[in-house]
PDB file of N, CA and C in Angstrom:
ATOM      1  N   MET A   1     104.775  94.453  87.641  1.00  0.00           N
ATOM      2  CA  MET A   1     104.761  93.325  88.613  1.00  0.00           C
ATOM      3  C   MET A   1     103.525  92.309  88.142  1.00  0.00           C
ATOM      4  N   PHE A   2     102.431  93.006  87.670  1.00  0.00           N
ATOM      5  CA  PHE A   2     101.285  92.190  87.403  1.00  0.00           C
ATOM      6  C   PHE A   2     101.697  91.231  86.266  1.00  0.00           C
ATOM      7  N   ALA A   3     102.441  91.555  85.379  1.00  0.00           N
ATOM      8  CA  ALA A   3     102.834  90.643  84.223  1.00  0.00           C
ATOM      9  C   ALA A   3     103.772  89.463  84.629  1.00  0.00           C
ATOM     10  N   TYR A   4     104.302  89.665  85.801  1.00  0.00           N
ATOM     11  CA  TYR A   4     105.359  88.634  86.218  1.00  0.00           C
ATOM     12  C   TYR A   4     104.700  87.639  87.303  1.00  0.00           C
ATOM     13  N   GLN A   5     104.028  88.240  88.157  1.00  0.00           N
ATOM     14  CA  GLN A   5     103.363  87.510  89.287  1.00  0.00           C
ATOM     15  C   GLN A   5     101.971  87.889  89.420  1.00  0.00           C
ATOM     16  N   PRO A   6     101.113  87.661  88.582  1.00  0.00           N
ATOM     17  CA  PRO A   6      99.580  88.106  88.708  1.00  0.00           C
ATOM     18  C   PRO A   6      98.859  87.664  89.938  1.00  0.00           C
ATOM     19  N   LYS A   7      99.015  86.389  90.290  1.00  0.00           N
ATOM     20  CA  LYS A   7      98.397  85.597  91.477  1.00  0.00           C
ATOM     21  C   LYS A   7      98.898  86.200  92.795  1.00  0.00           C
ATOM     22  N   LEU A   8     100.214  86.312  92.848  1.00  0.00           N
ATOM     23  CA  LEU A   8     100.852  86.969  93.971  1.00  0.00           C
ATOM     24  C   LEU A   8     100.335  88.401  94.195  1.00  0.00           C
ATOM     25  N   LEU A   9     100.374  89.206  93.219  1.00  0.00           N
ATOM     26  CA  LEU A   9      99.985  90.613  93.443  1.00  0.00           C
ATOM     27  C   LEU A   9      98.461  90.666  93.793  1.00  0.00           C
ATOM     28  N   SER A  10      97.566  89.878  93.168  1.00  0.00           N
ATOM     29  CA  SER A  10      96.185  89.793  93.432  1.00  0.00           C
ATOM     30  C   SER A  10      95.941  89.345  94.851  1.00  0.00           C
ATOM     31  N   THR A  11      96.493  88.329  95.246  1.00  0.00           N
ATOM     32  CA  THR A  11      96.408  87.925  96.647  1.00  0.00           C
ATOM     33  C   THR A  11      96.780  88.944  97.675  1.00  0.00           C
ATOM     34  N   TYR A  12      98.001  89.493  97.441  1.00  0.00           N
ATOM     35  CA  TYR A  12      98.384  90.572  98.332  1.00  0.00           C
ATOM     36  C   TYR A  12      97.316  91.822  98.365  1.00  0.00           C
ATOM     37  N   CYS A  13      97.031  92.093  97.285  1.00  0.00           N
ATOM     38  CA  CYS A  13      96.035  93.357  97.337  1.00  0.00           C
ATOM     39  C   CYS A  13      94.813  92.778  98.002  1.00  0.00           C
ATOM     40  N   HIS A  14      94.234  91.753  97.778  1.00  0.00           N
ATOM     41  CA  HIS A  14      92.922  91.309  98.541  1.00  0.00           C
ATOM     42  C   HIS A  14      93.159  91.348  99.973  1.00  0.00           C
ATOM     43  N   LEU A  15      94.304  90.751 100.340  1.00  0.00           N
ATOM     44  CA  LEU A  15      94.530  90.577 101.846  1.00  0.00           C
ATOM     45  C   LEU A  15      94.806  91.842 102.462  1.00  0.00           C
ATOM     46  N   SER A  16      95.495  92.705 101.768  1.00  0.00           N
ATOM     47  CA  SER A  16      95.768  94.011 102.298  1.00  0.00           C
ATOM     48  C   SER A  16      94.497  94.921 102.472  1.00  0.00           C
ATOM     49  N   VAL A  17      93.698  94.849 101.452  1.00  0.00           N
ATOM     50  CA  VAL A  17      92.435  95.678 101.661  1.00  0.00           C
ATOM     51  C   VAL A  17      91.472  94.954 102.708  1.00  0.00           C
ATOM     52  N   PHE A  18      91.418  93.706 102.777  1.00  0.00           N
ATOM     53  CA  PHE A  18      90.781  93.134 103.849  1.00  0.00           C
ATOM     54  C   PHE A  18      91.086  93.500 105.247  1.00  0.00           C
ATOM     55  N   LEU A  19      92.367  93.432 105.362  1.00  0.00           N
ATOM     56  CA  LEU A  19      92.986  93.700 106.717  1.00  0.00           C
ATOM     57  C   LEU A  19      92.801  95.209 107.034  1.00  0.00           C
ATOM     58  N   ASP A  20      92.976  96.105 106.159  1.00  0.00           N
ATOM     59  CA  ASP A  20      92.825  97.492 106.328  1.00  0.00           C
ATOM     60  C   ASP A  20      91.416  97.864 106.749  1.00  0.00           C
ATOM     61  N   HIS A  21      90.507  97.132 106.079  1.00  0.00           N
ATOM     62  CA  HIS A  21      89.074  97.462 106.290  1.00  0.00           C
ATOM     63  C   HIS A  21      88.719  96.985 107.553  1.00  0.00           C
ATOM     64  N   PHE A  22      88.930  95.760 108.034  1.00  0.00           N
ATOM     65  CA  PHE A  22      88.614  95.263 109.330  1.00  0.00           C
ATOM     66  C   PHE A  22      89.463  95.971 110.441  1.00  0.00           C
ATOM     67  N   LEU A  23      90.637  96.395 110.241  1.00  0.00           N
ATOM     68  CA  LEU A  23      91.304  97.082 111.161  1.00  0.00           C
ATOM     69  C   LEU A  23      90.567  98.433 111.627  1.00  0.00           C
ATOM     70  N   MET A  24      90.202  99.196 110.391  1.00  0.00           N
ATOM     71  CA  MET A  24      89.393 100.463 110.565  1.00  0.00           C
ATOM     72  C   MET A  24      88.146 100.073 111.420  1.00  0.00           C
ATOM     73  N   LEU A  25      87.520  99.100 110.893  1.00  0.00           N
ATOM     74  CA  LEU A  25      86.154  98.800 111.532  1.00  0.00           C
ATOM     75  C   LEU A  25      86.311  98.436 113.002  1.00  0.00           C
ATOM     76  N   LEU A  26      87.244  97.797 113.311  1.00  0.00           N
ATOM     77  CA  LEU A  26      87.440  97.362 114.766  1.00  0.00           C
ATOM     78  C   LEU A  26      87.883  98.561 115.638  1.00  0.00           C
ATOM     79  N   GLN A  27      88.565  99.396 114.947  1.00  0.00           N
ATOM     80  CA  GLN A  27      88.950 100.679 115.734  1.00  0.00           C
ATOM     81  C   GLN A  27      87.837 101.492 115.944  1.00  0.00           C
ATOM     82  N   TYR A  28      86.948 101.583 114.882  1.00  0.00           N
ATOM     83  CA  TYR A  28      85.708 102.330 115.011  1.00  0.00           C
ATOM     84  C   TYR A  28      84.741 101.700 116.322  1.00  0.00           C
ATOM     85  N   GLU A  29      84.609 100.406 116.124  1.00  0.00           N
ATOM     86  CA  GLU A  29      83.765  99.786 117.133  1.00  0.00           C
ATOM     87  C   GLU A  29      84.324  99.923 118.624  1.00  0.00           C
ATOM     88  N   GLN A  30      85.704  99.836 118.659  1.00  0.00           N
ATOM     89  CA  GLN A  30      86.368  99.958 119.970  1.00  0.00           C
ATOM     90  C   GLN A  30      86.017 101.264 120.528  1.00  0.00           C
ATOM     91  N   ARG A  31      86.220 102.277 119.805  1.00  0.00           N
ATOM     92  CA  ARG A  31      85.943 103.759 120.233  1.00  0.00           C
ATOM     93  C   ARG A  31      84.492 103.974 120.628  1.00  0.00           C
ATOM     94  N   ALA A  32      83.626 103.245 119.896  1.00  0.00           N
ATOM     95  CA  ALA A  32      82.205 103.414 120.122  1.00  0.00           C
ATOM     96  C   ALA A  32      81.579 102.611 121.301  1.00  0.00           C
ATOM     97  N   CYS A  33      82.305 101.677 121.660  1.00  0.00           N
ATOM     98  CA  CYS A  33      81.719 100.732 122.784  1.00  0.00           C
ATOM     99  C   CYS A  33      81.776 101.344 124.102  1.00  0.00           C
ATOM    100  N   LEU A  34      80.859 100.974 124.915  1.00  0.00           N
ATOM    101  CA  LEU A  34      80.669 101.572 126.369  1.00  0.00           C
ATOM    102  C   LEU A  34      81.162 100.433 127.380  1.00  0.00           C
ATOM    103  N   ASP A  35      81.189  99.284 126.990  1.00  0.00           N
ATOM    104  CA  ASP A  35      81.404  98.254 128.056  1.00  0.00           C
ATOM    105  C   ASP A  35      83.052  97.974 127.913  1.00  0.00           C
ATOM    106  N   GLN A  36      83.491  97.879 129.064  1.00  0.00           N
ATOM    107  CA  GLN A  36      85.044  97.608 129.217  1.00  0.00           C
ATOM    108  C   GLN A  36      85.411  96.271 128.811  1.00  0.00           C
ATOM    109  N   THR A  37      84.678  95.254 128.982  1.00  0.00           N
ATOM    110  CA  THR A  37      84.870  93.943 128.437  1.00  0.00           C
ATOM    111  C   THR A  37      84.921  93.807 126.934  1.00  0.00           C
ATOM    112  N   THR A  38      83.930  94.590 126.230  1.00  0.00           N
ATOM    113  CA  THR A  38      83.941  94.533 124.801  1.00  0.00           C
ATOM    114  C   THR A  38      85.181  95.375 124.293  1.00  0.00           C
ATOM    115  N   ALA A  39      85.408  96.428 125.057  1.00  0.00           N
ATOM    116  CA  ALA A  39      86.612  97.176 124.596  1.00  0.00           C
ATOM    117  C   ALA A  39      87.963  96.378 124.580  1.00  0.00           C
ATOM    118  N   PHE A  40      88.029  95.585 125.624  1.00  0.00           N
ATOM    119  CA  PHE A  40      89.152  94.703 125.738  1.00  0.00           C
ATOM    120  C   PHE A  40      89.216  93.618 124.536  1.00  0.00           C
ATOM    121  N   LEU A  41      88.061  93.022 124.212  1.00  0.00           N
ATOM    122  CA  LEU A  41      87.937  92.062 123.225  1.00  0.00           C
ATOM    123  C   LEU A  41      88.298  92.679 121.806  1.00  0.00           C
ATOM    124  N   TYR A  42      87.826  93.969 121.589  1.00  0.00           N
ATOM    125  CA  TYR A  42      88.339  94.767 120.432  1.00  0.00           C
ATOM    126  C   TYR A  42      89.870  95.043 120.313  1.00  0.00           C
ATOM    127  N   SER A  43      90.297  95.263 121.576  1.00  0.00           N
ATOM    128  CA  SER A  43      91.724  95.580 121.601  1.00  0.00           C
ATOM    129  C   SER A  43      92.521  94.351 121.303  1.00  0.00           C
ATOM    130  N   GLU A  44      92.110  93.206 121.671  1.00  0.00           N
ATOM    131  CA  GLU A  44      92.818  91.796 121.406  1.00  0.00           C
ATOM    132  C   GLU A  44      92.629  91.639 119.880  1.00  0.00           C
ATOM    133  N   GLN A  45      91.544  91.844 119.427  1.00  0.00           N
ATOM    134  CA  GLN A  45      91.290  91.467 117.884  1.00  0.00           C
ATOM    135  C   GLN A  45      92.291  92.543 117.022  1.00  0.00           C
ATOM    136  N   LEU A  46      92.268  93.630 117.518  1.00  0.00           N
ATOM    137  CA  LEU A  46      93.152  94.707 116.831  1.00  0.00           C
ATOM    138  C   LEU A  46      94.579  94.238 116.886  1.00  0.00           C
ATOM    139  N   LYS A  47      95.146  93.792 118.005  1.00  0.00           N
ATOM    140  CA  LYS A  47      96.455  93.205 118.183  1.00  0.00           C
ATOM    141  C   LYS A  47      96.588  92.086 117.229  1.00  0.00           C
ATOM    142  N   ILE A  48      95.714  91.111 116.980  1.00  0.00           N
ATOM    143  CA  ILE A  48      95.951  89.969 116.198  1.00  0.00           C
ATOM    144  C   ILE A  48      95.948  90.360 114.711  1.00  0.00           C
ATOM    145  N   LEU A  49      95.025  91.253 114.216  1.00  0.00           N
ATOM    146  CA  LEU A  49      94.874  91.854 112.888  1.00  0.00           C
ATOM    147  C   LEU A  49      96.101  92.597 112.625  1.00  0.00           C
ATOM    148  N   GLY A  50      96.566  93.369 113.572  1.00  0.00           N
ATOM    149  CA  GLY A  50      97.785  94.182 113.389  1.00  0.00           C
ATOM    150  C   GLY A  50      99.037  93.240 113.205  1.00  0.00           C
ATOM    151  N   GLN A  51      99.025  92.288 113.869  1.00  0.00           N
ATOM    152  CA  GLN A  51     100.273  91.252 113.774  1.00  0.00           C
ATOM    153  C   GLN A  51     100.128  90.649 112.289  1.00  0.00           C
ATOM    154  N   PHE A  52      98.883  90.283 111.871  1.00  0.00           N
ATOM    155  CA  PHE A  52      98.673  89.651 110.517  1.00  0.00           C
ATOM    156  C   PHE A  52      99.106  90.788 109.395  1.00  0.00           C
ATOM    157  N   GLN A  53      98.903  91.979 109.668  1.00  0.00           N
ATOM    158  CA  GLN A  53      99.237  93.029 108.672  1.00  0.00           C
ATOM    159  C   GLN A  53     100.728  93.266 108.696  1.00  0.00           C
ATOM    160  N   LYS A  54     101.464  93.149 109.814  1.00  0.00           N
ATOM    161  CA  LYS A  54     102.883  93.210 109.909  1.00  0.00           C
ATOM    162  C   LYS A  54     103.481  92.049 109.098  1.00  0.00           C
ATOM    163  N   ASN A  55     102.886  90.829 109.358  1.00  0.00           N
ATOM    164  CA  ASN A  55     103.385  89.727 108.658  1.00  0.00           C
ATOM    165  C   ASN A  55     103.152  89.848 107.070  1.00  0.00           C
ATOM    166  N   LEU A  56     102.092  90.295 106.734  1.00  0.00           N
ATOM    167  CA  LEU A  56     101.776  90.444 105.292  1.00  0.00           C
ATOM    168  C   LEU A  56     102.809  91.445 104.677  1.00  0.00           C
ATOM    169  N   ASP A  57     102.984  92.497 105.377  1.00  0.00           N
ATOM    170  CA  ASP A  57     103.950  93.483 104.787  1.00  0.00           C
ATOM    171  C   ASP A  57     105.457  92.938 104.737  1.00  0.00           C
ATOM    172  N   LYS A  58     105.712  92.103 105.808  1.00  0.00           N
ATOM    173  CA  LYS A  58     107.034  91.500 105.663  1.00  0.00           C
ATOM    174  C   LYS A  58     107.281  90.534 104.634  1.00  0.00           C
ATOM    175  N   CYS A  59     106.233  89.800 104.301  1.00  0.00           N
ATOM    176  CA  CYS A  59     106.219  88.802 103.178  1.00  0.00           C
ATOM    177  C   CYS A  59     106.213  89.551 101.896  1.00  0.00           C
ATOM    178  N   TRP A  60     105.611  90.683 101.750  1.00  0.00           N
ATOM    179  CA  TRP A  60     105.550  91.600 100.499  1.00  0.00           C
ATOM    180  C   TRP A  60     106.914  92.148 100.266  1.00  0.00           C
ATOM    181  N   ARG A  61     107.532  92.657 101.422  1.00  0.00           N
ATOM    182  CA  ARG A  61     108.978  93.173 101.220  1.00  0.00           C
ATOM    183  C   ARG A  61     109.999  92.200 100.562  1.00  0.00           C
ATOM    184  N   SER A  62     109.720  90.876 101.100  1.00  0.00           N
ATOM    185  CA  SER A  62     110.636  89.773 100.649  1.00  0.00           C
ATOM    186  C   SER A  62     110.366  89.455  99.203  1.00  0.00           C
ATOM    187  N   VAL A  63     109.469  89.679  98.602  1.00  0.00           N
ATOM    188  CA  VAL A  63     109.152  89.484  97.152  1.00  0.00           C
ATOM    189  C   VAL A  63     109.142  90.689  96.187  1.00  0.00           C
ATOM    190  N   ARG A  64     109.127  91.814  96.866  1.00  0.00           N
ATOM    191  CA  ARG A  64     108.984  93.115  96.155  1.00  0.00           C
ATOM    192  C   ARG A  64     110.205  93.341  95.250  1.00  0.00           C
ATOM    193  N   TRP A  65     111.273  92.702  95.437  1.00  0.00           N
ATOM    194  CA  TRP A  65     112.456  92.821  94.590  1.00  0.00           C
ATOM    195  C   TRP A  65     112.160  92.383  93.113  1.00  0.00           C
ATOM    196  N   ILE A  66     111.281  91.439  92.933  1.00  0.00           N
ATOM    197  CA  ILE A  66     110.967  91.102  91.526  1.00  0.00           C
ATOM    198  C   ILE A  66     110.488  92.484  90.744  1.00  0.00           C
ATOM    199  N   SER A  67     109.638  93.113  91.416  1.00  0.00           N
ATOM    200  CA  SER A  67     109.081  94.175  90.669  1.00  0.00           C
ATOM    201  C   SER A  67     110.228  95.296  90.472  1.00  0.00           C
ATOM    202  N   ASP A  68     110.971  95.562  91.483  1.00  0.00           N
ATOM    203  CA  ASP A  68     112.060  96.455  91.525  1.00  0.00           C
ATOM    204  C   ASP A  68     112.938  96.170  90.374  1.00  0.00           C
ATOM    205  N   PHE A  69     113.399  94.864  90.295  1.00  0.00           N
ATOM    206  CA  PHE A  69     114.352  94.352  89.291  1.00  0.00           C
ATOM    207  C   PHE A  69     113.726  94.510  87.865  1.00  0.00           C
ATOM    208  N   ALA A  70     112.466  94.279  87.757  1.00  0.00           N
ATOM    209  CA  ALA A  70     111.803  94.336  86.426  1.00  0.00           C
ATOM    210  C   ALA A  70     111.932  95.913  86.063  1.00  0.00           C
ATOM    211  N   SER A  71     111.487  96.701  86.968  1.00  0.00           N
ATOM    212  CA  SER A  71     111.437  98.199  86.670  1.00  0.00           C
ATOM    213  C   SER A  71     112.841  98.722  86.277  1.00  0.00           C
ATOM    214  N   ILE A  72     113.838  98.288  86.954  1.00  0.00           N
ATOM    215  CA  ILE A  72     115.186  98.718  86.530  1.00  0.00           C
ATOM    216  C   ILE A  72     115.681  98.155  85.216  1.00  0.00           C
ATOM    217  N   ALA A  73     115.368  97.098  84.944  1.00  0.00           N
ATOM    218  CA  ALA A  73     115.645  96.465  83.712  1.00  0.00           C
ATOM    219  C   ALA A  73     114.799  97.166  82.600  1.00  0.00           C
ATOM    220  N   ARG A  74     113.661  97.482  82.688  1.00  0.00           N
ATOM    221  CA  ARG A  74     113.053  98.301  81.725  1.00  0.00           C
ATOM    222  C   ARG A  74     113.544  99.702  81.492  1.00  0.00           C
ATOM    223  N   GLU A  75     113.864 100.159  82.484  1.00  0.00           N
ATOM    224  CA  GLU A  75     114.555 101.692  82.558  1.00  0.00           C
ATOM    225  C   GLU A  75     115.814 101.471  81.811  1.00  0.00           C
ATOM    226  N   ARG A  76     116.570 100.677  82.147  1.00  0.00           N
ATOM    227  CA  ARG A  76     117.881 100.551  81.474  1.00  0.00           C
ATOM    228  C   ARG A  76     117.767 100.224  79.970  1.00  0.00           C
ATOM    229  N   ALA A  77     116.913  99.354  79.610  1.00  0.00           N
ATOM    230  CA  ALA A  77     116.628  98.962  78.318  1.00  0.00           C
ATOM    231  C   ALA A  77     116.111 100.327  77.508  1.00  0.00           C
ATOM    232  N   TYR A  78     115.311 101.178  78.122  1.00  0.00           N
ATOM    233  CA  TYR A  78     114.782 102.334  77.436  1.00  0.00           C
ATOM    234  C   TYR A  78     115.843 103.423  77.293  1.00  0.00           C
ATOM    235  N   LEU A  79     116.788 103.480  78.394  1.00  0.00           N
ATOM    236  CA  LEU A  79     117.948 104.490  78.166  1.00  0.00           C
ATOM    237  C   LEU A  79     118.943 104.121  77.198  1.00  0.00           C
ATOM    238  N   ASN A  80     119.177 102.869  76.956  1.00  0.00           N
ATOM    239  CA  ASN A  80     120.143 102.281  76.127  1.00  0.00           C
ATOM    240  C   ASN A  80     119.923 102.315  74.516  1.00  0.00           C
ATOM    241  N   ARG A  81     118.592 102.869  74.343  1.00  0.00           N
ATOM    242  CA  ARG A  81     118.169 102.849  72.946  1.00  0.00           C
ATOM    243  C   ARG A  81     119.011 103.850  72.077  1.00  0.00           C
TER     244      ARG A  81
END
């Protein structure tokens, strides 16, 4: 996939790592907070970032066929030698 869409793969990886990191950080902070108002704010932020993560995964699934197609083509070319 990297040979075919390097910018796409790079952007997806950066966004995915960023979202995973901040989701984990927010979950930790939400568990550690003592104030109900702060816990609610963390909860709202978790919902927003969770939705971003779902949207990113949805976008990735829509373009992942490029990688799947290239893998199948390489495999068939190898088997037909």
